[in-house]
Amino acid sequence: MISNKCALVVSLMVLIGFPVFFLVISLCTGQWGYLVWSIPPSFAAGFTGLVITLNQIKKERKNA
């Protein structure tokens, strides 16, 4: 259960946190390529992790 919560937090950090981090970098430097190139991999990794984690949580609740 604790590992699922940790996986959920990590997935959300990748999905939301990384683009926000690169947004700040882009705002400071004025080079928007940082933000543009960070969105697809962040979305792919974060969304995949989120779906897998939510399915695992759903399975555990069903078995409990």
C-alpha atoms as a PDB file:
ATOM      1  CA  MET A   1       0.000   0.000   0.000  1.00  0.00           C
ATOM      2  CA  ILE A   2       2.798   2.416   0.845  1.00  0.00           C
ATOM      3  CA  SER A   3       4.624   1.604  -2.386  1.00  0.00           C
ATOM      4  CA  ASN A   4       1.451   2.395  -4.358  1.00  0.00           C
ATOM      5  CA  LYS A   5       1.152   5.792  -2.704  1.00  0.00           C
ATOM      6  CA  CYS A   6       4.809   6.458  -3.439  1.00  0.00           C
ATOM      7  CA  ALA A   7       4.319   5.408  -7.070  1.00  0.00           C
ATOM      8  CA  LEU A   8       1.290   7.687  -7.319  1.00  0.00           C
ATOM      9  CA  VAL A   9       3.245  10.664  -5.985  1.00  0.00           C
ATOM     10  CA  VAL A  10       6.154   9.989  -8.330  1.00  0.00           C
ATOM     11  CA  SER A  11       3.829   9.670 -11.328  1.00  0.00           C
ATOM     12  CA  LEU A  12       2.146  12.971 -10.521  1.00  0.00           C
ATOM     13  CA  MET A  13       5.495  14.670  -9.992  1.00  0.00           C
ATOM     14  CA  VAL A  14       6.652  13.524 -13.422  1.00  0.00           C
ATOM     15  CA  LEU A  15       3.336  14.434 -15.032  1.00  0.00           C
ATOM     16  CA  ILE A  16       2.962  17.866 -13.424  1.00  0.00           C
ATOM     17  CA  GLY A  17       6.200  18.749 -11.636  1.00  0.00           C
ATOM     18  CA  PHE A  18       8.664  18.371 -14.491  1.00  0.00           C
ATOM     19  CA  PRO A  19       6.749  20.598 -16.933  1.00  0.00           C
ATOM     20  CA  VAL A  20       6.352  23.233 -14.209  1.00  0.00           C
ATOM     21  CA  PHE A  21      10.084  23.049 -13.498  1.00  0.00           C
ATOM     22  CA  PHE A  22      10.911  23.473 -17.174  1.00  0.00           C
ATOM     23  CA  LEU A  23       8.354  26.287 -17.431  1.00  0.00           C
ATOM     24  CA  VAL A  24      10.278  28.180 -14.758  1.00  0.00           C
ATOM     25  CA  ILE A  25      13.546  27.535 -16.593  1.00  0.00           C
ATOM     26  CA  SER A  26      11.982  28.714 -19.849  1.00  0.00           C
ATOM     27  CA  LEU A  27      10.639  31.862 -18.218  1.00  0.00           C
ATOM     28  CA  CYS A  28      14.063  32.664 -16.756  1.00  0.00           C
ATOM     29  CA  THR A  29      16.064  31.971 -19.908  1.00  0.00           C
ATOM     30  CA  GLY A  30      13.547  32.963 -22.574  1.00  0.00           C
ATOM     31  CA  GLN A  31      14.279  29.746 -24.462  1.00  0.00           C
ATOM     32  CA  TRP A  32      10.961  27.945 -24.799  1.00  0.00           C
ATOM     33  CA  GLY A  33      12.545  24.836 -26.255  1.00  0.00           C
ATOM     34  CA  TYR A  34      13.133  23.565 -22.714  1.00  0.00           C
ATOM     35  CA  LEU A  35       9.407  23.500 -22.037  1.00  0.00           C
ATOM     36  CA  VAL A  36       8.396  22.256 -25.473  1.00  0.00           C
ATOM     37  CA  TRP A  37      10.828  19.332 -25.431  1.00  0.00           C
ATOM     38  CA  SER A  38       9.996  18.348 -21.836  1.00  0.00           C
ATOM     39  CA  ILE A  39       6.231  17.938 -22.326  1.00  0.00           C
ATOM     40  CA  PRO A  40       6.068  14.761 -24.496  1.00  0.00           C
ATOM     41  CA  PRO A  41       8.430  12.602 -22.382  1.00  0.00           C
ATOM     42  CA  SER A  42       6.910  13.878 -19.143  1.00  0.00           C
ATOM     43  CA  PHE A  43       3.421  13.083 -20.371  1.00  0.00           C
ATOM     44  CA  ALA A  44       4.412   9.643 -21.673  1.00  0.00           C
ATOM     45  CA  ALA A  45       6.218   8.587 -18.506  1.00  0.00           C
ATOM     46  CA  GLY A  46       3.815  10.237 -16.052  1.00  0.00           C
ATOM     47  CA  PHE A  47       0.613   9.045 -17.703  1.00  0.00           C
ATOM     48  CA  THR A  48       1.897   5.475 -18.094  1.00  0.00           C
ATOM     49  CA  GLY A  49       2.971   5.345 -14.459  1.00  0.00           C
ATOM     50  CA  LEU A  50      -0.310   6.869 -13.336  1.00  0.00           C
ATOM     51  CA  VAL A  51      -2.449   4.356 -15.243  1.00  0.00           C
ATOM     52  CA  ILE A  52      -0.439   1.385 -13.976  1.00  0.00           C
ATOM     53  CA  THR A  53      -0.493   2.663 -10.392  1.00  0.00           C
ATOM     54  CA  LEU A  54      -4.235   3.349 -10.417  1.00  0.00           C
ATOM     55  CA  ASN A  55      -4.918  -0.129 -11.838  1.00  0.00           C
ATOM     56  CA  GLN A  56      -2.783  -1.679  -9.087  1.00  0.00           C
ATOM     57  CA  ILE A  57      -4.619   0.316  -6.395  1.00  0.00           C
ATOM     58  CA  LYS A  58      -7.940  -0.762  -7.894  1.00  0.00           C
ATOM     59  CA  LYS A  59      -6.863  -4.438  -7.804  1.00  0.00           C
ATOM     60  CA  GLU A  60      -5.783  -4.168  -4.166  1.00  0.00           C
ATOM     61  CA  ARG A  61      -9.085  -2.566  -3.142  1.00  0.00           C
ATOM     62  CA  LYS A  62     -10.998  -5.273  -4.986  1.00  0.00           C
ATOM     63  CA  ASN A  63      -9.051  -8.047  -3.191  1.00  0.00           C
ATOM     64  CA  ALA A  64      -9.281  -6.437   0.253  1.00  0.00           C
END
